[in-house]
Amino acid sequence: MFDYINLNNHNYSFVVTGLRRKPLEYLFSSREAATKHMYKMCEKHGLHINKVYDDKHFKTYLCDCGVTFYINRAW
């Protein structure tokens, strides 16, 4: 389920809020892997992304039902 953490390159944190009481947090070795996981979660829970805020290393995805995904460069 999780990608191998590569210490030589940047890693990406993946956080979901609004889906459960506590935020879900994961760490991925690439932005592509984190984004792929986000789309799988959207498909599983029937979520639709309405708005994307892109600030180079930090991306925020807002869904129609109050669920928010954050994919940020960790280091």
Protein backbone atom coordinates (compact mmCIF):
# COMPACT_ATOMS: atom_id res chain seq x y z
CA MET A 1 0.00 0.00 0.00
CA PHE A 2 2.82 2.41 0.76
CA ASP A 3 5.74 3.27 -1.45
CA TYR A 4 9.29 2.85 -0.25
CA ILE A 5 10.59 6.01 1.43
CA ASN A 6 13.59 7.30 -0.54
CA LEU A 7 15.96 9.27 1.68
CA ASN A 8 17.93 10.70 -1.27
CA ASN A 9 15.00 12.54 -2.85
CA HIS A 10 12.00 14.49 -1.63
CA ASN A 11 9.18 12.68 0.08
CA TYR A 12 5.56 13.78 0.08
CA SER A 13 3.11 13.85 2.94
CA PHE A 14 -0.49 12.99 2.18
CA VAL A 15 -3.21 14.10 4.59
CA VAL A 16 -6.99 13.67 4.32
CA THR A 17 -9.38 15.66 6.50
CA GLY A 18 -13.16 15.43 6.67
CA LEU A 19 -13.37 11.75 5.82
CA ARG A 20 -13.18 10.53 9.42
CA ARG A 21 -12.88 12.11 12.84
CA LYS A 22 -9.08 11.98 12.80
CA PRO A 23 -7.05 13.04 9.76
CA LEU A 24 -5.43 10.22 7.79
CA GLU A 25 -1.70 10.73 7.22
CA TYR A 26 0.64 8.86 4.87
CA LEU A 27 4.13 9.38 3.45
CA PHE A 28 5.02 8.64 -0.19
CA SER A 29 8.27 8.68 -2.14
CA SER A 30 6.78 10.69 -5.04
CA ARG A 31 4.00 13.15 -5.72
CA GLU A 32 2.67 10.82 -8.41
CA ALA A 33 2.24 7.97 -5.91
CA ALA A 34 0.44 10.27 -3.47
CA THR A 35 -1.84 11.60 -6.20
CA LYS A 36 -2.61 8.07 -7.39
CA HIS A 37 -3.56 7.09 -3.84
CA MET A 38 -5.82 10.18 -3.59
CA TYR A 39 -7.70 9.23 -6.76
CA LYS A 40 -8.15 5.67 -5.47
CA MET A 41 -9.66 7.05 -2.26
CA CYS A 42 -11.93 9.35 -4.26
CA GLU A 43 -13.17 6.42 -6.33
CA LYS A 44 -13.68 4.23 -3.26
CA HIS A 45 -15.70 6.86 -1.35
CA GLY A 46 -17.48 8.43 -4.35
CA LEU A 47 -15.77 11.82 -3.95
CA HIS A 48 -15.44 14.48 -6.64
CA ILE A 49 -12.68 17.09 -6.59
CA ASN A 50 -14.09 20.58 -7.19
CA LYS A 51 -11.11 22.85 -6.69
CA VAL A 52 -7.31 22.51 -6.67
CA TYR A 53 -4.92 25.01 -5.08
CA ASP A 54 -1.41 24.58 -6.47
CA ASP A 55 1.42 26.35 -4.64
CA LYS A 56 4.41 24.63 -6.26
CA HIS A 57 5.36 22.18 -3.46
CA PHE A 58 1.99 22.21 -1.70
CA LYS A 59 -1.26 21.08 -3.35
CA THR A 60 -4.71 21.20 -1.79
CA TYR A 61 -7.67 19.36 -3.32
CA LEU A 62 -11.18 20.31 -2.17
CA CYS A 63 -14.08 17.89 -2.63
CA ASP A 64 -17.78 18.66 -2.86
CA CYS A 65 -18.65 17.12 0.55
CA GLY A 66 -16.09 18.88 2.77
CA VAL A 67 -13.27 16.36 2.34
CA THR A 68 -9.85 17.95 1.75
CA PHE A 69 -6.67 16.29 0.49
CA TYR A 70 -3.24 17.84 1.09
CA ILE A 71 -0.16 16.66 -0.79
CA ASN A 72 2.94 18.51 0.39
CA ARG A 73 6.66 18.09 -0.08
CA ALA A 74 7.98 16.80 3.24
CA TRP A 75 11.78 17.21 2.77
